[in-house]
Amino acid sequence: GRERASYDRELVHSVLDEAYVCHLGFVRDGAPVVLPTLFG
């Protein structure tokens, strides 16, 4: 779906600013972990 991708800064900001919650992914002890959390 590369045709749906965008790197437009204004679009990125608008999507972020409309959200309450993000999902933060990282690796812990060799396994993936994803946590929902508030952000700004």
Full PDB file with SEQRES, HELIX, SHEET, SSBOND, CRYST1, ORIGX, SCALE, CONECT and MASTER records, all heavy atoms in Angstrom:
SEQRES   1 A   40  GLY ARG GLU ARG ALA SER TYR ASP ARG GLU LEU VAL HIS          
SEQRES   2 A   40  SER VAL LEU ASP GLU ALA TYR VAL CYS HIS LEU GLY PHE          
SEQRES   3 A   40  VAL ARG ASP GLY ALA PRO VAL VAL LEU PRO THR LEU PHE          
SEQRES   4 A   40  GLY                                                          
HELIX    1 AA1 ARG A    2  ARG A    4  5                                   3    
HELIX    2 AA2 ARG A    9  ASP A   17  1                                   9    
SHEET    1 AA1 2 VAL A  21  ARG A  28  0                                        
SHEET    2 AA1 2 ALA A  31  LEU A  38 -1                                        
CRYST1    1.000    1.000    1.000  90.00  90.00  90.00 P 1           1          
ORIGX1      1.000000  0.000000  0.000000        0.00000                         
ORIGX2      0.000000  1.000000  0.000000        0.00000                         
ORIGX3      0.000000  0.000000  1.000000        0.00000                         
SCALE1      1.000000  0.000000  0.000000        0.00000                         
SCALE2      0.000000  1.000000  0.000000        0.00000                         
SCALE3      0.000000  0.000000  1.000000        0.00000                         
ATOM      1  N   GLY A   1       0.796  -1.219   0.000  1.00  0.00           N  
ATOM      2  CA  GLY A   1       0.000   0.000   0.000  1.00  0.00           C  
ATOM      3  C   GLY A   1       0.827   1.266   0.000  1.00  0.00           C  
ATOM      4  O   GLY A   1       0.486   2.246   0.670  1.00  0.00           O  
ATOM      5  N   ARG A   2       1.903   1.276  -0.759  1.00  0.00           N  
ATOM      6  CA  ARG A   2       2.780   2.455  -0.752  1.00  0.00           C  
ATOM      7  C   ARG A   2       2.065   3.703  -1.249  1.00  0.00           C  
ATOM      8  O   ARG A   2       2.438   4.824  -0.869  1.00  0.00           O  
ATOM      9  CB  ARG A   2       4.012   2.188  -1.624  1.00  0.00           C  
ATOM     10  CG  ARG A   2       4.943   1.132  -1.058  1.00  0.00           C  
ATOM     11  CD  ARG A   2       6.266   1.098  -1.796  1.00  0.00           C  
ATOM     12  NE  ARG A   2       7.168   0.091  -1.247  1.00  0.00           N  
ATOM     13  CZ  ARG A   2       8.445  -0.003  -1.548  1.00  0.00           C  
ATOM     14  NH1 ARG A   2       8.988   0.840  -2.412  1.00  0.00           N  
ATOM     15  NH2 ARG A   2       9.192  -0.950  -1.001  1.00  0.00           N  
ATOM     16  N   GLU A   3       1.042   3.516  -2.087  1.00  0.00           N  
ATOM     17  CA  GLU A   3       0.322   4.671  -2.611  1.00  0.00           C  
ATOM     18  C   GLU A   3      -0.464   5.391  -1.514  1.00  0.00           C  
ATOM     19  O   GLU A   3      -0.876   6.549  -1.690  1.00  0.00           O  
ATOM     20  CB  GLU A   3      -0.630   4.248  -3.736  1.00  0.00           C  
ATOM     21  CG  GLU A   3      -1.871   3.477  -3.297  1.00  0.00           C  
ATOM     22  CD  GLU A   3      -1.613   2.010  -2.958  1.00  0.00           C  
ATOM     23  OE1 GLU A   3      -0.445   1.559  -3.107  1.00  0.00           O  
ATOM     24  OE2 GLU A   3      -2.568   1.330  -2.554  1.00  0.00           O  
ATOM     25  N   ARG A   4      -0.667   4.738  -0.380  1.00  0.00           N  
ATOM     26  CA  ARG A   4      -1.390   5.355   0.735  1.00  0.00           C  
ATOM     27  C   ARG A   4      -0.458   6.053   1.718  1.00  0.00           C  
ATOM     28  O   ARG A   4      -0.924   6.728   2.632  1.00  0.00           O  
ATOM     29  CB  ARG A   4      -2.215   4.300   1.479  1.00  0.00           C  
ATOM     30  CG  ARG A   4      -3.321   3.691   0.632  1.00  0.00           C  
ATOM     31  CD  ARG A   4      -4.050   2.594   1.372  1.00  0.00           C  
ATOM     32  NE  ARG A   4      -5.071   1.983   0.534  1.00  0.00           N  
ATOM     33  CZ  ARG A   4      -5.688   0.842   0.802  1.00  0.00           C  
ATOM     34  NH1 ARG A   4      -5.372   0.173   1.899  1.00  0.00           N  
ATOM     35  NH2 ARG A   4      -6.612   0.364  -0.017  1.00  0.00           N  
ATOM     36  N   ALA A   5       0.823   5.880   1.553  1.00  0.00           N  
ATOM     37  CA  ALA A   5       1.786   6.479   2.479  1.00  0.00           C  
ATOM     38  C   ALA A   5       1.982   7.953   2.175  1.00  0.00           C  
ATOM     39  O   ALA A   5       1.902   8.392   1.017  1.00  0.00           O  
ATOM     40  CB  ALA A   5       3.115   5.746   2.410  1.00  0.00           C  
ATOM     41  N   SER A   6       2.214   8.719   3.223  1.00  0.00           N  
ATOM     42  CA  SER A   6       2.478  10.148   3.077  1.00  0.00           C  
ATOM     43  C   SER A   6       3.515  10.565   4.106  1.00  0.00           C  
ATOM     44  O   SER A   6       3.557  10.022   5.219  1.00  0.00           O  
ATOM     45  CB  SER A   6       1.193  10.956   3.278  1.00  0.00           C  
ATOM     46  OG  SER A   6       1.472  12.349   3.299  1.00  0.00           O  
ATOM     47  N   TYR A   7       4.319  11.538   3.733  1.00  0.00           N  
ATOM     48  CA  TYR A   7       5.330  12.076   4.648  1.00  0.00           C  
ATOM     49  C   TYR A   7       5.082  13.564   4.887  1.00  0.00           C  
ATOM     50  O   TYR A   7       5.952  14.273   5.388  1.00  0.00           O  
ATOM     51  CB  TYR A   7       6.726  11.825   4.063  1.00  0.00           C  
ATOM     52  CG  TYR A   7       6.920  10.359   3.769  1.00  0.00           C  
ATOM     53  CD1 TYR A   7       6.619   9.833   2.505  1.00  0.00           C  
ATOM     54  CD2 TYR A   7       7.315   9.475   4.767  1.00  0.00           C  
ATOM     55  CE1 TYR A   7       6.727   8.474   2.249  1.00  0.00           C  
ATOM     56  CE2 TYR A   7       7.435   8.117   4.523  1.00  0.00           C  
ATOM     57  CZ  TYR A   7       7.134   7.626   3.261  1.00  0.00           C  
ATOM     58  OH  TYR A   7       7.229   6.273   3.022  1.00  0.00           O  
ATOM     59  N   ASP A   8       3.887  13.997   4.534  1.00  0.00           N  
ATOM     60  CA  ASP A   8       3.503  15.400   4.695  1.00  0.00           C  
ATOM     61  C   ASP A   8       3.449  15.763   6.183  1.00  0.00           C  
ATOM     62  O   ASP A   8       2.743  15.133   6.972  1.00  0.00           O  
ATOM     63  CB  ASP A   8       2.142  15.642   4.042  1.00  0.00           C  
ATOM     64  CG  ASP A   8       1.708  17.083   4.179  1.00  0.00           C  
ATOM     65  OD1 ASP A   8       2.213  17.919   3.420  1.00  0.00           O  
ATOM     66  OD2 ASP A   8       0.870  17.370   5.059  1.00  0.00           O  
ATOM     67  N   ARG A   9       4.192  16.770   6.544  1.00  0.00           N  
ATOM     68  CA  ARG A   9       4.325  17.138   7.955  1.00  0.00           C  
ATOM     69  C   ARG A   9       2.990  17.600   8.543  1.00  0.00           C  
ATOM     70  O   ARG A   9       2.620  17.238   9.664  1.00  0.00           O  
ATOM     71  CB  ARG A   9       5.380  18.245   8.094  1.00  0.00           C  
ATOM     72  CG  ARG A   9       5.868  18.479   9.512  1.00  0.00           C  
ATOM     73  CD  ARG A   9       6.990  19.514   9.511  1.00  0.00           C  
ATOM     74  NE  ARG A   9       8.108  19.085   8.697  1.00  0.00           N  
ATOM     75  CZ  ARG A   9       9.146  18.391   9.149  1.00  0.00           C  
ATOM     76  NH1 ARG A   9       9.205  18.054  10.422  1.00  0.00           N  
ATOM     77  NH2 ARG A   9      10.130  18.041   8.342  1.00  0.00           N  
ATOM     78  N   GLU A  10       2.242  18.384   7.781  1.00  0.00           N  
ATOM     79  CA  GLU A  10       0.959  18.887   8.285  1.00  0.00           C  
ATOM     80  C   GLU A  10      -0.027  17.745   8.508  1.00  0.00           C  
ATOM     81  O   GLU A  10      -0.768  17.730   9.507  1.00  0.00           O  
ATOM     82  CB  GLU A  10       0.382  19.907   7.302  1.00  0.00           C  
ATOM     83  CG  GLU A  10      -0.894  20.567   7.782  1.00  0.00           C  
ATOM     84  CD  GLU A  10      -1.370  21.658   6.846  1.00  0.00           C  
ATOM     85  OE1 GLU A  10      -0.601  22.053   5.941  1.00  0.00           O  
ATOM     86  OE2 GLU A  10      -2.525  22.111   7.017  1.00  0.00           O  
ATOM     87  N   LEU A  11      -0.045  16.773   7.606  1.00  0.00           N  
ATOM     88  CA  LEU A  11      -0.924  15.615   7.778  1.00  0.00           C  
ATOM     89  C   LEU A  11      -0.526  14.818   9.014  1.00  0.00           C  
ATOM     90  O   LEU A  11      -1.388  14.417   9.817  1.00  0.00           O  
ATOM     91  CB  LEU A  11      -0.874  14.723   6.538  1.00  0.00           C  
ATOM     92  CG  LEU A  11      -1.598  13.376   6.653  1.00  0.00           C  
ATOM     93  CD1 LEU A  11      -3.092  13.581   6.885  1.00  0.00           C  
ATOM     94  CD2 LEU A  11      -1.350  12.530   5.405  1.00  0.00           C  
ATOM     95  N   VAL A  12       0.762  14.566   9.178  1.00  0.00           N  
ATOM     96  CA  VAL A  12       1.242  13.819  10.345  1.00  0.00           C  
ATOM     97  C   VAL A  12       0.813  14.511  11.633  1.00  0.00           C  
ATOM     98  O   VAL A  12       0.277  13.890  12.554  1.00  0.00           O  
ATOM     99  CB  VAL A  12       2.772  13.662  10.296  1.00  0.00           C  
ATOM    100  CG1 VAL A  12       3.313  13.184  11.642  1.00  0.00           C  
ATOM    101  CG2 VAL A  12       3.166  12.680   9.192  1.00  0.00           C  
ATOM    102  N   HIS A  13       1.019  15.818  11.699  1.00  0.00           N  
ATOM    103  CA  HIS A  13       0.651  16.559  12.901  1.00  0.00           C  
ATOM    104  C   HIS A  13      -0.849  16.476  13.169  1.00  0.00           C  
ATOM    105  O   HIS A  13      -1.278  16.328  14.321  1.00  0.00           O  
ATOM    106  CB  HIS A  13       1.080  18.013  12.773  1.00  0.00           C  
ATOM    107  CG  HIS A  13       2.555  18.217  12.856  1.00  0.00           C  
ATOM    108  ND1 HIS A  13       3.143  19.465  12.786  1.00  0.00           N  
ATOM    109  CD2 HIS A  13       3.578  17.333  12.998  1.00  0.00           C  
ATOM    110  CE1 HIS A  13       4.459  19.343  12.891  1.00  0.00           C  
ATOM    111  NE2 HIS A  13       4.747  18.064  13.014  1.00  0.00           N  
ATOM    112  N   SER A  14      -1.651  16.569  12.119  1.00  0.00           N  
ATOM    113  CA  SER A  14      -3.107  16.549  12.311  1.00  0.00           C  
ATOM    114  C   SER A  14      -3.568  15.204  12.847  1.00  0.00           C  
ATOM    115  O   SER A  14      -4.468  15.138  13.699  1.00  0.00           O  
ATOM    116  CB  SER A  14      -3.820  16.888  10.995  1.00  0.00           C  
ATOM    117  OG  SER A  14      -3.680  15.843  10.036  1.00  0.00           O  
ATOM    118  N   VAL A  15      -2.974  14.120  12.365  1.00  0.00           N  
ATOM    119  CA  VAL A  15      -3.347  12.784  12.852  1.00  0.00           C  
ATOM    120  C   VAL A  15      -2.940  12.634  14.312  1.00  0.00           C  
ATOM    121  O   VAL A  15      -3.703  12.129  15.143  1.00  0.00           O  
ATOM    122  CB  VAL A  15      -2.696  11.691  11.987  1.00  0.00           C  
ATOM    123  CG1 VAL A  15      -2.927  10.312  12.595  1.00  0.00           C  
ATOM    124  CG2 VAL A  15      -3.257  11.735  10.560  1.00  0.00           C  
ATOM    125  N   LEU A  16      -1.742  13.083  14.651  1.00  0.00           N  
ATOM    126  CA  LEU A  16      -1.284  12.993  16.036  1.00  0.00           C  
ATOM    127  C   LEU A  16      -2.144  13.840  16.964  1.00  0.00           C  
ATOM    128  O   LEU A  16      -2.541  13.391  18.050  1.00  0.00           O  
ATOM    129  CB  LEU A  16       0.175  13.438  16.131  1.00  0.00           C  
ATOM    130  CG  LEU A  16       1.213  12.530  15.473  1.00  0.00           C  
ATOM    131  CD1 LEU A  16       2.578  13.218  15.469  1.00  0.00           C  
ATOM    132  CD2 LEU A  16       1.306  11.183  16.185  1.00  0.00           C  
ATOM    133  N   ASP A  17      -2.457  15.053  16.546  1.00  0.00           N  
ATOM    134  CA  ASP A  17      -3.132  15.985  17.439  1.00  0.00           C  
ATOM    135  C   ASP A  17      -4.584  15.607  17.710  1.00  0.00           C  
ATOM    136  O   ASP A  17      -5.175  16.071  18.688  1.00  0.00           O  
ATOM    137  CB  ASP A  17      -3.071  17.393  16.861  1.00  0.00           C  
ATOM    138  CG  ASP A  17      -1.658  17.965  16.851  1.00  0.00           C  
ATOM    139  OD1 ASP A  17      -0.777  17.343  17.454  1.00  0.00           O  
ATOM    140  OD2 ASP A  17      -1.448  19.011  16.229  1.00  0.00           O  
ATOM    141  N   GLU A  18      -5.171  14.780  16.863  1.00  0.00           N  
ATOM    142  CA  GLU A  18      -6.551  14.371  17.058  1.00  0.00           C  
ATOM    143  C   GLU A  18      -6.672  13.157  17.979  1.00  0.00           C  
ATOM    144  O   GLU A  18      -7.776  12.764  18.362  1.00  0.00           O  
ATOM    145  CB  GLU A  18      -7.183  14.053  15.691  1.00  0.00           C  
ATOM    146  CG  GLU A  18      -8.691  13.961  15.707  1.00  0.00           C  
ATOM    147  CD  GLU A  18      -9.265  13.735  14.327  1.00  0.00           C  
ATOM    148  OE1 GLU A  18      -8.704  14.284  13.349  1.00  0.00           O  
ATOM    149  OE2 GLU A  18     -10.256  12.997  14.220  1.00  0.00           O  
ATOM    150  N   ALA A  19      -5.544  12.584  18.360  1.00  0.00           N  
ATOM    151  CA  ALA A  19      -5.565  11.337  19.127  1.00  0.00           C  
ATOM    152  C   ALA A  19      -5.467  11.592  20.613  1.00  0.00           C  
ATOM    153  O   ALA A  19      -4.884  12.579  21.068  1.00  0.00           O  
ATOM    154  CB  ALA A  19      -4.418  10.440  18.680  1.00  0.00           C  
ATOM    155  N   TYR A  20      -6.049  10.669  21.397  1.00  0.00           N  
ATOM    156  CA  TYR A  20      -5.899  10.668  22.843  1.00  0.00           C  
ATOM    157  C   TYR A  20      -4.770   9.735  23.273  1.00  0.00           C  
ATOM    158  O   TYR A  20      -4.012  10.031  24.184  1.00  0.00           O  
ATOM    159  CB  TYR A  20      -7.179  10.159  23.524  1.00  0.00           C  
ATOM    160  CG  TYR A  20      -8.405  10.995  23.297  1.00  0.00           C  
ATOM    161  CD1 TYR A  20      -9.629  10.393  23.014  1.00  0.00           C  
ATOM    162  CD2 TYR A  20      -8.363  12.389  23.381  1.00  0.00           C  
ATOM    163  CE1 TYR A  20     -10.770  11.143  22.822  1.00  0.00           C  
ATOM    164  CE2 TYR A  20      -9.495  13.144  23.187  1.00  0.00           C  
ATOM    165  CZ  TYR A  20     -10.706  12.524  22.912  1.00  0.00           C  
ATOM    166  OH  TYR A  20     -11.831  13.267  22.718  1.00  0.00           O  
ATOM    167  N   VAL A  21      -4.707   8.573  22.625  1.00  0.00           N  
ATOM    168  CA  VAL A  21      -3.851   7.484  23.073  1.00  0.00           C  
ATOM    169  C   VAL A  21      -2.917   7.063  21.937  1.00  0.00           C  
ATOM    170  O   VAL A  21      -3.317   7.045  20.765  1.00  0.00           O  
ATOM    171  CB  VAL A  21      -4.689   6.275  23.520  1.00  0.00           C  
ATOM    172  CG1 VAL A  21      -3.820   5.064  23.842  1.00  0.00           C  
ATOM    173  CG2 VAL A  21      -5.546   6.645  24.736  1.00  0.00           C  
ATOM    174  N   CYS A  22      -1.689   6.752  22.271  1.00  0.00           N  
ATOM    175  CA  CYS A  22      -0.764   6.144  21.318  1.00  0.00           C  
ATOM    176  C   CYS A  22      -0.414   4.756  21.829  1.00  0.00           C  
ATOM    177  O   CYS A  22      -0.710   4.394  22.970  1.00  0.00           O  
ATOM    178  CB  CYS A  22       0.495   6.990  21.157  1.00  0.00           C  
ATOM    179  SG  CYS A  22       1.578   6.985  22.616  1.00  0.00           S  
ATOM    180  N   HIS A  23       0.222   3.967  20.968  1.00  0.00           N  
ATOM    181  CA  HIS A  23       0.750   2.667  21.379  1.00  0.00           C  
ATOM    182  C   HIS A  23       2.266   2.708  21.215  1.00  0.00           C  
ATOM    183  O   HIS A  23       2.774   3.040  20.136  1.00  0.00           O  
ATOM    184  CB  HIS A  23       0.137   1.536  20.549  1.00  0.00           C  
ATOM    185  CG  HIS A  23      -1.268   1.235  20.945  1.00  0.00           C  
ATOM    186  ND1 HIS A  23      -2.344   1.966  20.460  1.00  0.00           N  
ATOM    187  CD2 HIS A  23      -1.787   0.305  21.785  1.00  0.00           C  
ATOM    188  CE1 HIS A  23      -3.459   1.492  20.991  1.00  0.00           C  
ATOM    189  NE2 HIS A  23      -3.153   0.493  21.799  1.00  0.00           N  
ATOM    190  N   LEU A  24       2.951   2.407  22.310  1.00  0.00           N  
ATOM    191  CA  LEU A  24       4.409   2.491  22.356  1.00  0.00           C  
ATOM    192  C   LEU A  24       4.974   1.080  22.353  1.00  0.00           C  
ATOM    193  O   LEU A  24       4.738   0.300  23.277  1.00  0.00           O  
ATOM    194  CB  LEU A  24       4.845   3.234  23.624  1.00  0.00           C  
ATOM    195  CG  LEU A  24       6.341   3.516  23.768  1.00  0.00           C  
ATOM    196  CD1 LEU A  24       6.787   4.552  22.739  1.00  0.00           C  
ATOM    197  CD2 LEU A  24       6.645   4.005  25.188  1.00  0.00           C  
ATOM    198  N   GLY A  25       5.726   0.758  21.307  1.00  0.00           N  
ATOM    199  CA  GLY A  25       6.318  -0.560  21.175  1.00  0.00           C  
ATOM    200  C   GLY A  25       7.818  -0.531  21.419  1.00  0.00           C  
ATOM    201  O   GLY A  25       8.505   0.414  21.015  1.00  0.00           O  
ATOM    202  N   PHE A  26       8.316  -1.569  22.090  1.00  0.00           N  
ATOM    203  CA  PHE A  26       9.746  -1.698  22.358  1.00  0.00           C  
ATOM    204  C   PHE A  26      10.040  -3.170  22.622  1.00  0.00           C  
ATOM    205  O   PHE A  26       9.132  -4.008  22.665  1.00  0.00           O  
ATOM    206  CB  PHE A  26      10.170  -0.834  23.557  1.00  0.00           C  
ATOM    207  CG  PHE A  26       9.392  -1.113  24.811  1.00  0.00           C  
ATOM    208  CD1 PHE A  26       9.869  -1.993  25.777  1.00  0.00           C  
ATOM    209  CD2 PHE A  26       8.168  -0.501  25.032  1.00  0.00           C  
ATOM    210  CE1 PHE A  26       9.146  -2.264  26.924  1.00  0.00           C  
ATOM    211  CE2 PHE A  26       7.434  -0.756  26.184  1.00  0.00           C  
ATOM    212  CZ  PHE A  26       7.919  -1.650  27.126  1.00  0.00           C  
ATOM    213  N   VAL A  27      11.305  -3.500  22.759  1.00  0.00           N  
ATOM    214  CA  VAL A  27      11.705  -4.884  23.017  1.00  0.00           C  
ATOM    215  C   VAL A  27      12.161  -4.998  24.460  1.00  0.00           C  
ATOM    216  O   VAL A  27      12.996  -4.213  24.925  1.00  0.00           O  
ATOM    217  CB  VAL A  27      12.837  -5.329  22.066  1.00  0.00           C  
ATOM    218  CG1 VAL A  27      13.332  -6.722  22.439  1.00  0.00           C  
ATOM    219  CG2 VAL A  27      12.341  -5.310  20.624  1.00  0.00           C  
ATOM    220  N   ARG A  28      11.599  -5.991  25.177  1.00  0.00           N  
ATOM    221  CA  ARG A  28      11.963  -6.224  26.565  1.00  0.00           C  
ATOM    222  C   ARG A  28      12.331  -7.691  26.733  1.00  0.00           C  
ATOM    223  O   ARG A  28      11.538  -8.580  26.410  1.00  0.00           O  
ATOM    224  CB  ARG A  28      10.796  -5.873  27.500  1.00  0.00           C  
ATOM    225  CG  ARG A  28      11.128  -6.032  28.988  1.00  0.00           C  
ATOM    226  CD  ARG A  28       9.975  -5.549  29.854  1.00  0.00           C  
ATOM    227  NE  ARG A  28       8.810  -6.405  29.709  1.00  0.00           N  
ATOM    228  CZ  ARG A  28       7.589  -6.065  30.153  1.00  0.00           C  
ATOM    229  NH1 ARG A  28       7.399  -4.872  30.701  1.00  0.00           N  
ATOM    230  NH2 ARG A  28       6.586  -6.895  30.016  1.00  0.00           N  
ATOM    231  N   ASP A  29      13.531  -7.933  27.211  1.00  0.00           N  
ATOM    232  CA  ASP A  29      14.021  -9.302  27.404  1.00  0.00           C  
ATOM    233  C   ASP A  29      13.894 -10.127  26.123  1.00  0.00           C  
ATOM    234  O   ASP A  29      13.524 -11.301  26.150  1.00  0.00           O  
ATOM    235  CB  ASP A  29      13.265  -9.990  28.542  1.00  0.00           C  
ATOM    236  CG  ASP A  29      13.456  -9.287  29.878  1.00  0.00           C  
ATOM    237  OD1 ASP A  29      14.512  -8.666  30.062  1.00  0.00           O  
ATOM    238  OD2 ASP A  29      12.542  -9.366  30.727  1.00  0.00           O  
ATOM    239  N   GLY A  30      14.159  -9.484  24.997  1.00  0.00           N  
ATOM    240  CA  GLY A  30      14.141 -10.177  23.714  1.00  0.00           C  
ATOM    241  C   GLY A  30      12.778 -10.379  23.108  1.00  0.00           C  
ATOM    242  O   GLY A  30      12.666 -10.981  22.032  1.00  0.00           O  
ATOM    243  N   ALA A  31      11.717  -9.867  23.738  1.00  0.00           N  
ATOM    244  CA  ALA A  31      10.359 -10.045  23.221  1.00  0.00           C  
ATOM    245  C   ALA A  31       9.701  -8.685  23.013  1.00  0.00           C  
ATOM    246  O   ALA A  31       9.952  -7.741  23.771  1.00  0.00           O  
ATOM    247  CB  ALA A  31       9.522 -10.888  24.174  1.00  0.00           C  
ATOM    248  N   PRO A  32       8.854  -8.571  21.993  1.00  0.00           N  
ATOM    249  CA  PRO A  32       8.186  -7.287  21.747  1.00  0.00           C  
ATOM    250  C   PRO A  32       7.109  -7.002  22.790  1.00  0.00           C  
ATOM    251  O   PRO A  32       6.414  -7.903  23.250  1.00  0.00           O  
ATOM    252  CB  PRO A  32       7.568  -7.469  20.359  1.00  0.00           C  
ATOM    253  CG  PRO A  32       7.377  -8.945  20.221  1.00  0.00           C  
ATOM    254  CD  PRO A  32       8.510  -9.579  20.965  1.00  0.00           C  
ATOM    255  N   VAL A  33       6.991  -5.739  23.161  1.00  0.00           N  
ATOM    256  CA  VAL A  33       5.968  -5.273  24.093  1.00  0.00           C  
ATOM    257  C   VAL A  33       5.345  -4.018  23.505  1.00  0.00           C  
ATOM    258  O   VAL A  33       6.046  -3.149  22.972  1.00  0.00           O  
ATOM    259  CB  VAL A  33       6.569  -4.949  25.476  1.00  0.00           C  
ATOM    260  CG1 VAL A  33       5.497  -4.407  26.419  1.00  0.00           C  
ATOM    261  CG2 VAL A  33       7.226  -6.174  26.082  1.00  0.00           C  
ATOM    262  N   VAL A  34       4.015  -3.911  23.579  1.00  0.00           N  
ATOM    263  CA  VAL A  34       3.306  -2.725  23.103  1.00  0.00           C  
ATOM    264  C   VAL A  34       2.388  -2.244  24.219  1.00  0.00           C  
ATOM    265  O   VAL A  34       1.557  -3.005  24.722  1.00  0.00           O  
ATOM    266  CB  VAL A  34       2.488  -3.014  21.839  1.00  0.00           C  
ATOM    267  CG1 VAL A  34       1.741  -1.758  21.396  1.00  0.00           C  
ATOM    268  CG2 VAL A  34       3.381  -3.521  20.708  1.00  0.00           C  
ATOM    269  N   LEU A  35       2.548  -0.979  24.615  1.00  0.00           N  
ATOM    270  CA  LEU A  35       1.759  -0.418  25.702  1.00  0.00           C  
ATOM    271  C   LEU A  35       0.946   0.775  25.212  1.00  0.00           C  
ATOM    272  O   LEU A  35       1.483   1.662  24.545  1.00  0.00           O  
ATOM    273  CB  LEU A  35       2.677   0.047  26.841  1.00  0.00           C  
ATOM    274  CG  LEU A  35       3.552  -1.010  27.520  1.00  0.00           C  
ATOM    275  CD1 LEU A  35       4.436  -0.345  28.557  1.00  0.00           C  
ATOM    276  CD2 LEU A  35       2.687  -2.086  28.153  1.00  0.00           C  
ATOM    277  N   PRO A  36      -0.349   0.821  25.546  1.00  0.00           N  
ATOM    278  CA  PRO A  36      -1.131   2.032  25.268  1.00  0.00           C  
ATOM    279  C   PRO A  36      -0.821   3.090  26.317  1.00  0.00           C  
ATOM    280  O   PRO A  36      -0.696   2.777  27.511  1.00  0.00           O  
ATOM    281  CB  PRO A  36      -2.574   1.537  25.381  1.00  0.00           C  
ATOM    282  CG  PRO A  36      -2.502   0.400  26.341  1.00  0.00           C  
ATOM    283  CD  PRO A  36      -1.156  -0.244  26.153  1.00  0.00           C  
ATOM    284  N   THR A  37      -0.687   4.328  25.900  1.00  0.00           N  
ATOM    285  CA  THR A  37      -0.367   5.381  26.853  1.00  0.00           C  
ATOM    286  C   THR A  37      -0.804   6.731  26.302  1.00  0.00           C  
ATOM    287  O   THR A  37      -0.958   6.906  25.092  1.00  0.00           O  
ATOM    288  CB  THR A  37       1.143   5.400  27.169  1.00  0.00           C  
ATOM    289  OG1 THR A  37       1.404   6.396  28.169  1.00  0.00           O  
ATOM    290  CG2 THR A  37       1.961   5.729  25.930  1.00  0.00           C  
ATOM    291  N   LEU A  38      -0.999   7.682  27.204  1.00  0.00           N  
ATOM    292  CA  LEU A  38      -1.277   9.053  26.787  1.00  0.00           C  
ATOM    293  C   LEU A  38       0.010   9.691  26.276  1.00  0.00           C  
ATOM    294  O   LEU A  38       1.113   9.293  26.638  1.00  0.00           O  
ATOM    295  CB  LEU A  38      -1.824   9.858  27.965  1.00  0.00           C  
ATOM    296  CG  LEU A  38      -3.147   9.379  28.564  1.00  0.00           C  
ATOM    297  CD1 LEU A  38      -3.497  10.222  29.790  1.00  0.00           C  
ATOM    298  CD2 LEU A  38      -4.260   9.436  27.544  1.00  0.00           C  
ATOM    299  N   PHE A  39      -0.150  10.713  25.453  1.00  0.00           N  
ATOM    300  CA  PHE A  39       1.018  11.407  24.915  1.00  0.00           C  
ATOM    301  C   PHE A  39       0.643  12.845  24.611  1.00  0.00           C  
ATOM    302  O   PHE A  39      -0.526  13.237  24.642  1.00  0.00           O  
ATOM    303  CB  PHE A  39       1.529  10.707  23.644  1.00  0.00           C  
ATOM    304  CG  PHE A  39       0.678  10.976  22.427  1.00  0.00           C  
ATOM    305  CD1 PHE A  39       1.091  11.881  21.458  1.00  0.00           C  
ATOM    306  CD2 PHE A  39      -0.538  10.326  22.249  1.00  0.00           C  
ATOM    307  CE1 PHE A  39       0.301  12.137  20.344  1.00  0.00           C  
ATOM    308  CE2 PHE A  39      -1.327  10.562  21.143  1.00  0.00           C  
ATOM    309  CZ  PHE A  39      -0.905  11.476  20.180  1.00  0.00           C  
ATOM    310  N   GLY A  40       1.643  13.639  24.296  1.00  0.00           N  
ATOM    311  CA  GLY A  40       1.437  15.015  23.870  1.00  0.00           C  
ATOM    312  C   GLY A  40       2.473  15.397  22.839  1.00  0.00           C  
ATOM    313  O   GLY A  40       3.574  14.845  22.823  1.00  0.00           O  
TER     314      GLY A  40                                                      
MASTER        0    0    0    2    2    0    0    6  313    1    0    4          
END                                                                             
